[in-house]
C-alpha atoms as a PDB file:
ATOM      1  CA  MET A   1     144.782 137.303 112.862  1.00  0.00           C
ATOM      2  CA  HIS A   2     148.065 136.825 112.272  1.00  0.00           C
ATOM      3  CA  VAL A   3     150.429 133.714 113.386  1.00  0.00           C
ATOM      4  CA  GLU A   4     152.458 131.072 112.819  1.00  0.00           C
ATOM      5  CA  PHE A   5     151.197 127.237 112.390  1.00  0.00           C
ATOM      6  CA  ASP A   6     152.863 126.055 115.160  1.00  0.00           C
ATOM      7  CA  GLN A   7     151.047 128.204 117.387  1.00  0.00           C
ATOM      8  CA  PHE A   8     147.640 128.166 115.983  1.00  0.00           C
ATOM      9  CA  ASP A   9     144.919 126.292 116.996  1.00  0.00           C
ATOM     10  CA  ALA A  10     141.595 125.389 114.768  1.00  0.00           C
ATOM     11  CA  ASP A  11     139.437 124.247 117.270  1.00  0.00           C
ATOM     12  CA  LYS A  12     139.653 127.663 119.121  1.00  0.00           C
ATOM     13  CA  PHE A  13     139.814 130.186 116.047  1.00  0.00           C
ATOM     14  CA  SER A  14     135.971 131.303 114.974  1.00  0.00           C
ATOM     15  CA  PHE A  15     135.364 132.850 111.842  1.00  0.00           C
ATOM     16  CA  HIS A  16     132.767 134.931 113.027  1.00  0.00           C
ATOM     17  CA  ASP A  17     135.410 136.956 115.572  1.00  0.00           C
ATOM     18  CA  HIS A  18     138.303 137.365 113.047  1.00  0.00           C
ATOM     19  CA  GLN A  19     137.207 137.398 109.298  1.00  0.00           C
ATOM     20  CA  VAL A  20     140.598 137.323 108.234  1.00  0.00           C
ATOM     21  CA  LEU A  21     142.932 134.495 108.924  1.00  0.00           C
ATOM     22  CA  VAL A  22     146.892 134.416 108.048  1.00  0.00           C
ATOM     23  CA  ILE A  23     148.986 131.390 108.821  1.00  0.00           C
ATOM     24  CA  ASP A  24     152.705 131.888 108.272  1.00  0.00           C
ATOM     25  CA  ASN A  25     154.488 128.627 107.307  1.00  0.00           C
ATOM     26  CA  PHE A  26     151.640 126.836 106.851  1.00  0.00           C
ATOM     27  CA  TRP A  27     153.427 124.818 104.035  1.00  0.00           C
ATOM     28  CA  SER A  28     156.202 123.077 104.294  1.00  0.00           C
ATOM     29  CA  ALA A  29     159.050 123.094 102.069  1.00  0.00           C
ATOM     30  CA  ALA A  30     158.588 119.139 100.457  1.00  0.00           C
ATOM     31  CA  GLU A  31     154.941 120.031 100.532  1.00  0.00           C
ATOM     32  CA  ARG A  32     155.292 123.137  98.221  1.00  0.00           C
ATOM     33  CA  LYS A  33     157.952 121.237  96.243  1.00  0.00           C
ATOM     34  CA  PHE A  34     154.725 118.522  95.607  1.00  0.00           C
ATOM     35  CA  PHE A  35     152.542 121.350  94.442  1.00  0.00           C
ATOM     36  CA  GLN A  36     155.677 122.734  92.407  1.00  0.00           C
ATOM     37  CA  ARG A  37     156.359 119.672  90.592  1.00  0.00           C
ATOM     38  CA  ALA A  38     152.108 119.317  89.646  1.00  0.00           C
ATOM     39  CA  MET A  39     152.289 122.892  88.556  1.00  0.00           C
ATOM     40  CA  LEU A  40     155.270 121.895  85.599  1.00  0.00           C
ATOM     41  CA  GLU A  41     152.211 119.303  84.208  1.00  0.00           C
ATOM     42  CA  ALA A  42     149.128 121.532  84.587  1.00  0.00           C
ATOM     43  CA  SER A  43     147.454 123.277  81.611  1.00  0.00           C
ATOM     44  CA  TRP A  44     147.677 126.318  81.973  1.00  0.00           C
ATOM     45  CA  LYS A  45     145.399 129.164  80.535  1.00  0.00           C
ATOM     46  CA  ALA A  46     146.294 132.609  79.887  1.00  0.00           C
ATOM     47  CA  LEU A  47     144.344 135.655  80.949  1.00  0.00           C
ATOM     48  CA  HIS A  48     144.058 137.167  77.773  1.00  0.00           C
ATOM     49  CA  ASP A  49     142.885 133.469  76.180  1.00  0.00           C
ATOM     50  CA  SER A  50     139.623 134.378  78.772  1.00  0.00           C
ATOM     51  CA  PRO A  51     137.264 136.934  77.653  1.00  0.00           C
ATOM     52  CA  GLN A  52     135.169 137.113  80.762  1.00  0.00           C
ATOM     53  CA  LEU A  53     137.873 137.355  82.981  1.00  0.00           C
ATOM     54  CA  ARG A  54     139.614 139.669  80.845  1.00  0.00           C
ATOM     55  CA  ALA A  55     136.263 142.174  80.651  1.00  0.00           C
ATOM     56  CA  THR A  56     135.742 142.166  84.371  1.00  0.00           C
ATOM     57  CA  PHE A  57     139.824 142.544  85.400  1.00  0.00           C
ATOM     58  CA  PRO A  58     141.397 144.794  82.571  1.00  0.00           C
ATOM     59  CA  ASN A  59     144.990 145.952  82.235  1.00  0.00           C
ATOM     60  CA  CYS A  60     145.967 143.270  84.925  1.00  0.00           C
ATOM     61  CA  GLY A  61     148.737 141.631  82.851  1.00  0.00           C
ATOM     62  CA  ASN A  62     148.475 138.177  81.497  1.00  0.00           C
ATOM     63  CA  TRP A  63     148.337 136.058  84.441  1.00  0.00           C
ATOM     64  CA  LEU A  64     147.743 132.059  84.168  1.00  0.00           C
ATOM     65  CA  LYS A  65     145.477 129.916  85.686  1.00  0.00           C
ATOM     66  CA  ALA A  66     145.699 125.825  85.687  1.00  0.00           C
ATOM     67  CA  ASP A  67     143.177 123.156  87.107  1.00  0.00           C
ATOM     68  CA  ILE A  68     144.264 121.318  89.835  1.00  0.00           C
ATOM     69  CA  ALA A  69     143.857 117.214  89.013  1.00  0.00           C
ATOM     70  CA  ARG A  70     142.178 115.285  91.811  1.00  0.00           C
ATOM     71  CA  SER A  71     145.257 113.484  93.552  1.00  0.00           C
ATOM     72  CA  GLU A  72     146.611 117.265  93.834  1.00  0.00           C
ATOM     73  CA  GLY A  73     143.213 118.466  95.328  1.00  0.00           C
ATOM     74  CA  THR A  74     143.090 115.745  97.957  1.00  0.00           C
ATOM     75  CA  VAL A  75     146.408 116.595  98.814  1.00  0.00           C
ATOM     76  CA  LEU A  76     145.347 120.009  99.495  1.00  0.00           C
ATOM     77  CA  LEU A  77     142.058 119.267 101.104  1.00  0.00           C
ATOM     78  CA  ASN A  78     143.472 117.071 103.777  1.00  0.00           C
ATOM     79  CA  ARG A  79     145.617 119.659 104.639  1.00  0.00           C
ATOM     80  CA  VAL A  80     143.374 123.184 104.799  1.00  0.00           C
ATOM     81  CA  GLY A  81     140.300 121.100 106.087  1.00  0.00           C
ATOM     82  CA  LEU A  82     140.345 122.720 109.310  1.00  0.00           C
ATOM     83  CA  SER A  83     137.855 122.542 112.081  1.00  0.00           C
ATOM     84  CA  CYS A  84     137.306 126.376 112.030  1.00  0.00           C
ATOM     85  CA  ILE A  85     136.407 125.851 108.421  1.00  0.00           C
ATOM     86  CA  ARG A  86     133.331 123.349 109.104  1.00  0.00           C
ATOM     87  CA  ARG A  87     132.305 125.443 112.001  1.00  0.00           C
ATOM     88  CA  TYR A  88     131.900 128.252 110.040  1.00  0.00           C
ATOM     89  CA  ILE A  89     130.291 126.563 106.689  1.00  0.00           C
ATOM     90  CA  GLU A  90     128.125 124.593 108.640  1.00  0.00           C
ATOM     91  CA  SER A  91     126.830 127.845 111.160  1.00  0.00           C
ATOM     92  CA  PHE A  92     124.844 128.688 107.614  1.00  0.00           C
ATOM     93  CA  PRO A  93     121.276 127.758 108.004  1.00  0.00           C
ATOM     94  CA  GLY A  94     119.703 125.788 105.219  1.00  0.00           C
ATOM     95  CA  ILE A  95     122.554 124.010 103.390  1.00  0.00           C
ATOM     96  CA  VAL A  96     121.604 121.024 100.910  1.00  0.00           C
ATOM     97  CA  GLY A  97     124.817 121.092  99.394  1.00  0.00           C
ATOM     98  CA  ARG A  98     128.952 121.725  99.633  1.00  0.00           C
ATOM     99  CA  HIS A  99     131.318 122.873  96.881  1.00  0.00           C
ATOM    100  CA  LEU A 100     134.653 123.682  96.362  1.00  0.00           C
ATOM    101  CA  ASN A 101     136.216 125.572  93.666  1.00  0.00           C
ATOM    102  CA  PHE A 102     140.364 125.883  93.618  1.00  0.00           C
ATOM    103  CA  ASN A 103     142.638 126.380  90.854  1.00  0.00           C
ATOM    104  CA  TYR A 104     146.472 127.207  90.291  1.00  0.00           C
ATOM    105  CA  TYR A 105     147.527 130.741  89.401  1.00  0.00           C
ATOM    106  CA  SER A 106     151.201 131.690  88.158  1.00  0.00           C
ATOM    107  CA  TYR A 107     151.952 135.582  88.698  1.00  0.00           C
ATOM    108  CA  GLY A 108     154.899 137.319  86.572  1.00  0.00           C
ATOM    109  CA  ALA A 109     156.133 140.849  86.251  1.00  0.00           C
ATOM    110  CA  GLY A 110     153.356 143.149  85.443  1.00  0.00           C
ATOM    111  CA  ASP A 111     150.491 140.942  87.001  1.00  0.00           C
ATOM    112  CA  CYS A 112     148.002 141.895  89.286  1.00  0.00           C
ATOM    113  CA  LEU A 113     144.321 141.524  90.472  1.00  0.00           C
ATOM    114  CA  LEU A 114     142.068 145.032  90.361  1.00  0.00           C
ATOM    115  CA  THR A 115     139.987 145.718  93.724  1.00  0.00           C
ATOM    116  CA  HIS A 116     136.864 143.023  93.920  1.00  0.00           C
ATOM    117  CA  ASP A 117     134.564 141.536  96.654  1.00  0.00           C
ATOM    118  CA  ASP A 118     134.047 137.996  95.233  1.00  0.00           C
ATOM    119  CA  VAL A 119     130.375 138.524  94.443  1.00  0.00           C
ATOM    120  CA  VAL A 120     129.722 137.400  90.639  1.00  0.00           C
ATOM    121  CA  ARG A 121     127.897 140.949  89.296  1.00  0.00           C
ATOM    122  CA  ASP A 122     125.913 140.877  85.693  1.00  0.00           C
ATOM    123  CA  HIS A 123     128.266 142.502  83.871  1.00  0.00           C
ATOM    124  CA  GLN A 124     125.914 145.243  82.064  1.00  0.00           C
ATOM    125  CA  GLU A 125     124.069 145.781  85.091  1.00  0.00           C
ATOM    126  CA  GLY A 126     126.723 145.571  87.757  1.00  0.00           C
ATOM    127  CA  GLU A 127     124.037 144.181  89.818  1.00  0.00           C
ATOM    128  CA  PRO A 128     124.339 140.764  91.871  1.00  0.00           C
ATOM    129  CA  ILE A 129     123.482 138.019  89.939  1.00  0.00           C
ATOM    130  CA  ASN A 130     119.884 137.322  91.870  1.00  0.00           C
ATOM    131  CA  TYR A 131     119.462 133.082  91.749  1.00  0.00           C
ATOM    132  CA  ALA A 132     120.217 130.358  94.045  1.00  0.00           C
ATOM    133  CA  ASP A 133     123.796 129.390  92.606  1.00  0.00           C
ATOM    134  CA  PRO A 134     126.222 128.022  95.679  1.00  0.00           C
ATOM    135  CA  LEU A 135     127.175 130.587  97.752  1.00  0.00           C
ATOM    136  CA  ARG A 136     130.970 131.879  98.114  1.00  0.00           C
ATOM    137  CA  ARG A 137     131.784 131.895 102.156  1.00  0.00           C
ATOM    138  CA  LEU A 138     135.416 131.560 102.323  1.00  0.00           C
ATOM    139  CA  ALA A 139     138.290 132.727 100.412  1.00  0.00           C
ATOM    140  CA  LEU A 140     141.459 130.995 100.104  1.00  0.00           C
ATOM    141  CA  VAL A 141     144.850 131.704  98.832  1.00  0.00           C
ATOM    142  CA  THR A 142     148.158 129.867  99.891  1.00  0.00           C
ATOM    143  CA  TYR A 143     151.940 130.531  98.390  1.00  0.00           C
ATOM    144  CA  LEU A 144     153.503 127.985  97.145  1.00  0.00           C
ATOM    145  CA  HIS A 145     156.789 129.709  95.720  1.00  0.00           C
ATOM    146  CA  ASP A 146     160.344 129.420  97.642  1.00  0.00           C
ATOM    147  CA  GLU A 147     161.513 133.088  97.494  1.00  0.00           C
ATOM    148  CA  TRP A 148     159.550 136.435  97.522  1.00  0.00           C
ATOM    149  CA  GLN A 149     161.278 139.368  98.452  1.00  0.00           C
ATOM    150  CA  PRO A 150     159.457 142.579  99.210  1.00  0.00           C
ATOM    151  CA  ASP A 151     160.381 144.434  96.446  1.00  0.00           C
ATOM    152  CA  TRP A 152     158.713 142.154  94.181  1.00  0.00           C
ATOM    153  CA  GLY A 153     155.420 143.492  94.797  1.00  0.00           C
ATOM    154  CA  GLY A 154     152.369 141.212  94.596  1.00  0.00           C
ATOM    155  CA  GLU A 155     150.516 141.833  98.126  1.00  0.00           C
ATOM    156  CA  LEU A 156     147.173 140.858  98.659  1.00  0.00           C
ATOM    157  CA  ILE A 157     145.228 144.054 100.001  1.00  0.00           C
ATOM    158  CA  ILE A 158     142.385 143.377 101.971  1.00  0.00           C
ATOM    159  CA  TYR A 159     139.485 146.450 102.810  1.00  0.00           C
ATOM    160  CA  ASP A 160     137.422 147.225 105.415  1.00  0.00           C
ATOM    161  CA  MET A 161     134.071 149.043 104.143  1.00  0.00           C
ATOM    162  CA  ALA A 162     132.430 151.482 106.258  1.00  0.00           C
ATOM    163  CA  GLN A 163     129.131 150.627 107.161  1.00  0.00           C
ATOM    164  CA  GLY A 164     126.143 151.931 104.995  1.00  0.00           C
ATOM    165  CA  ARG A 165     128.531 152.755 102.410  1.00  0.00           C
ATOM    166  CA  ARG A 166     128.903 150.706  99.123  1.00  0.00           C
ATOM    167  CA  SER A 167     131.383 152.585  96.937  1.00  0.00           C
ATOM    168  CA  GLN A 168     134.927 151.745  96.444  1.00  0.00           C
ATOM    169  CA  SER A 169     136.019 155.187  97.502  1.00  0.00           C
ATOM    170  CA  ASP A 170     134.782 154.386 100.748  1.00  0.00           C
ATOM    171  CA  LEU A 171     137.219 151.547 101.044  1.00  0.00           C
ATOM    172  CA  SER A 172     139.804 151.401 103.900  1.00  0.00           C
ATOM    173  CA  ILE A 173     143.198 149.129 103.990  1.00  0.00           C
ATOM    174  CA  THR A 174     142.901 146.838 107.133  1.00  0.00           C
ATOM    175  CA  HIS A 175     145.536 144.089 106.143  1.00  0.00           C
ATOM    176  CA  CYS A 176     148.772 144.228 103.739  1.00  0.00           C
ATOM    177  CA  ILE A 177     149.614 140.810 103.259  1.00  0.00           C
ATOM    178  CA  ALA A 178     152.951 139.944 101.581  1.00  0.00           C
ATOM    179  CA  PRO A 179     152.903 136.741  99.699  1.00  0.00           C
ATOM    180  CA  LYS A 180     155.629 134.626 102.033  1.00  0.00           C
ATOM    181  CA  PRO A 181     156.429 131.023 100.686  1.00  0.00           C
ATOM    182  CA  GLY A 182     154.158 128.632 102.463  1.00  0.00           C
ATOM    183  CA  ALA A 183     151.512 131.128 103.952  1.00  0.00           C
ATOM    184  CA  LEU A 184     148.010 130.674 103.994  1.00  0.00           C
ATOM    185  CA  VAL A 185     145.228 132.844 104.272  1.00  0.00           C
ATOM    186  CA  LEU A 186     141.448 132.589 104.731  1.00  0.00           C
ATOM    187  CA  PHE A 187     138.900 135.444 104.829  1.00  0.00           C
ATOM    188  CA  THR A 188     135.069 135.708 104.648  1.00  0.00           C
ATOM    189  CA  VAL A 189     133.180 136.868 101.337  1.00  0.00           C
ATOM    190  CA  PRO A 190     132.090 139.319 100.503  1.00  0.00           C
ATOM    191  CA  ARG A 191     135.167 140.951 101.375  1.00  0.00           C
ATOM    192  CA  TYR A 192     137.222 143.632  99.003  1.00  0.00           C
ATOM    193  CA  HIS A 193     140.658 142.413  98.020  1.00  0.00           C
ATOM    194  CA  ARG A 194     143.343 143.080  95.564  1.00  0.00           C
ATOM    195  CA  VAL A 195     146.312 141.909  94.426  1.00  0.00           C
ATOM    196  CA  CYS A 196     149.126 144.251  93.876  1.00  0.00           C
ATOM    197  CA  ARG A 197     150.959 144.474  90.429  1.00  0.00           C
ATOM    198  CA  VAL A 198     154.187 142.010  90.680  1.00  0.00           C
ATOM    199  CA  ASP A 199     157.139 144.683  89.799  1.00  0.00           C
ATOM    200  CA  ALA A 200     159.662 144.062  87.047  1.00  0.00           C
ATOM    201  CA  VAL A 201     162.683 143.871  89.885  1.00  0.00           C
ATOM    202  CA  SER A 202     161.420 140.252  90.417  1.00  0.00           C
ATOM    203  CA  GLY A 203     162.462 139.076  87.025  1.00  0.00           C
ATOM    204  CA  THR A 204     161.636 135.911  86.209  1.00  0.00           C
ATOM    205  CA  SER A 205     160.339 134.915  89.226  1.00  0.00           C
ATOM    206  CA  LYS A 206     156.674 133.560  89.557  1.00  0.00           C
ATOM    207  CA  ARG A 207     154.088 134.023  92.590  1.00  0.00           C
ATOM    208  CA  LEU A 208     152.830 130.857  92.234  1.00  0.00           C
ATOM    209  CA  SER A 209     149.387 130.092  94.428  1.00  0.00           C
ATOM    210  CA  ILE A 210     146.399 128.043  94.864  1.00  0.00           C
ATOM    211  CA  ALA A 211     143.107 130.410  95.769  1.00  0.00           C
ATOM    212  CA  GLY A 212     139.490 129.702  95.426  1.00  0.00           C
ATOM    213  CA  TRP A 213     136.025 129.148  97.478  1.00  0.00           C
ATOM    214  CA  PHE A 214     134.364 126.872  99.941  1.00  0.00           C
ATOM    215  CA  MET A 215     130.899 127.384  99.152  1.00  0.00           C
ATOM    216  CA  THR A 216     127.304 126.445 100.348  1.00  0.00           C
ATOM    217  CA  GLU A 217     123.898 125.444  98.268  1.00  0.00           C
ATOM    218  CA  HIS A 218     121.269 126.724  99.628  1.00  0.00           C
ATOM    219  CA  GLN A 219     117.237 126.016  98.128  1.00  0.00           C
ATOM    220  CA  PRO A 220     115.542 128.894  96.799  1.00  0.00           C
ATOM    221  CA  GLU A 221     113.478 129.733  99.404  1.00  0.00           C
ATOM    222  CA  THR A 222     116.819 130.117 101.958  1.00  0.00           C
ATOM    223  CA  PHE A 223     118.579 131.745  99.602  1.00  0.00           C
ATOM    224  CA  ALA A 224     120.462 134.102 102.190  1.00  0.00           C
ATOM    225  CA  SER A 225     121.176 137.493  99.967  1.00  0.00           C
ATOM    226  CA  PRO A 226     121.637 138.434  96.340  1.00  0.00           C
ATOM    227  CA  HIS A 227     124.989 139.985  97.417  1.00  0.00           C
ATOM    228  CA  GLU A 228     126.724 136.590  98.156  1.00  0.00           C
ATOM    229  CA  SER A 229     125.400 135.153  94.908  1.00  0.00           C
ATOM    230  CA  HIS A 230     127.872 133.877  92.189  1.00  0.00           C
ATOM    231  CA  THR A 231     128.374 131.419  89.010  1.00  0.00           C
ATOM    232  CA  HIS A 232     129.899 128.873  89.473  1.00  0.00           C
ATOM    233  CA  ILE A 233     132.814 128.631  87.160  1.00  0.00           C
ATOM    234  CA  ASP A 234     135.804 126.594  86.468  1.00  0.00           C
ATOM    235  CA  ALA A 235     135.204 123.988  89.347  1.00  0.00           C
ATOM    236  CA  PRO A 236     137.642 120.946  88.700  1.00  0.00           C
ATOM    237  CA  LEU A 237     137.425 119.730  92.638  1.00  0.00           C
ATOM    238  CA  ARG A 238     133.504 119.608  93.757  1.00  0.00           C
ATOM    239  CA  ALA A 239     132.013 118.173  96.975  1.00  0.00           C
ATOM    240  CA  GLY A 240     131.979 114.108  96.516  1.00  0.00           C
ATOM    241  CA  GLU A 241     135.253 113.991  94.856  1.00  0.00           C
ATOM    242  CA  ALA A 242     136.994 115.039  97.946  1.00  0.00           C
ATOM    243  CA  SER A 243     135.675 115.801 101.409  1.00  0.00           C
ATOM    244  CA  PRO A 244     136.298 119.380 101.965  1.00  0.00           C
ATOM    245  CA  TYR A 245     136.750 118.864 105.616  1.00  0.00           C
ATOM    246  CA  ARG A 246     139.675 117.210 107.644  1.00  0.00           C
ATOM    247  CA  THR A 247     138.483 114.354 109.722  1.00  0.00           C
END
């Protein structure tokens, strides 16, 4: 579903019916400025300085990642804690914990992200890691820059895979989402996606975003699927620090 924020009804929307949600103009200009100022104070780490990420995403430029401070995380969660997210997360059986993992990202000219499905796999074997860590259920990305032209690239591409197929060569594009200022994107995990390379014509402009996941934790005996397991890395926001849902 692709909708303007002022036309969106979170109480009627279901991720069981629509696995990808794009809300345009979710953030006001003032709200984007709040996060842009926070980004100026953030401590950034480049892709080249993260060996594990660099091995997973080779030849992807040198995009930047930073933690979100607790006060900024509270502002974020107060806005994105939609009722449709709560209903989807709580629809999974046997939940013993709820977790969040969001970070700032900055993509400049030459930066991109290769196709992946948000399932963390053993780097040597290429198989899902089979243990009951928190499971990524919903992926979130939201755009905080003030301008983005169509020729600048950086689109989020989302794919679908034919039933019974497992090779990335079997993927078909279902969504090509331009990083419009103020837009919010949510989609169910696992789901293959990538970020197109930011073109050199963007100059010094940066594709600024927040991205991460809503997650659930389960007892090993209720472990849902090895295809959804993941390692909990770099999580500045966790359950208990701020409510993942709007009240």
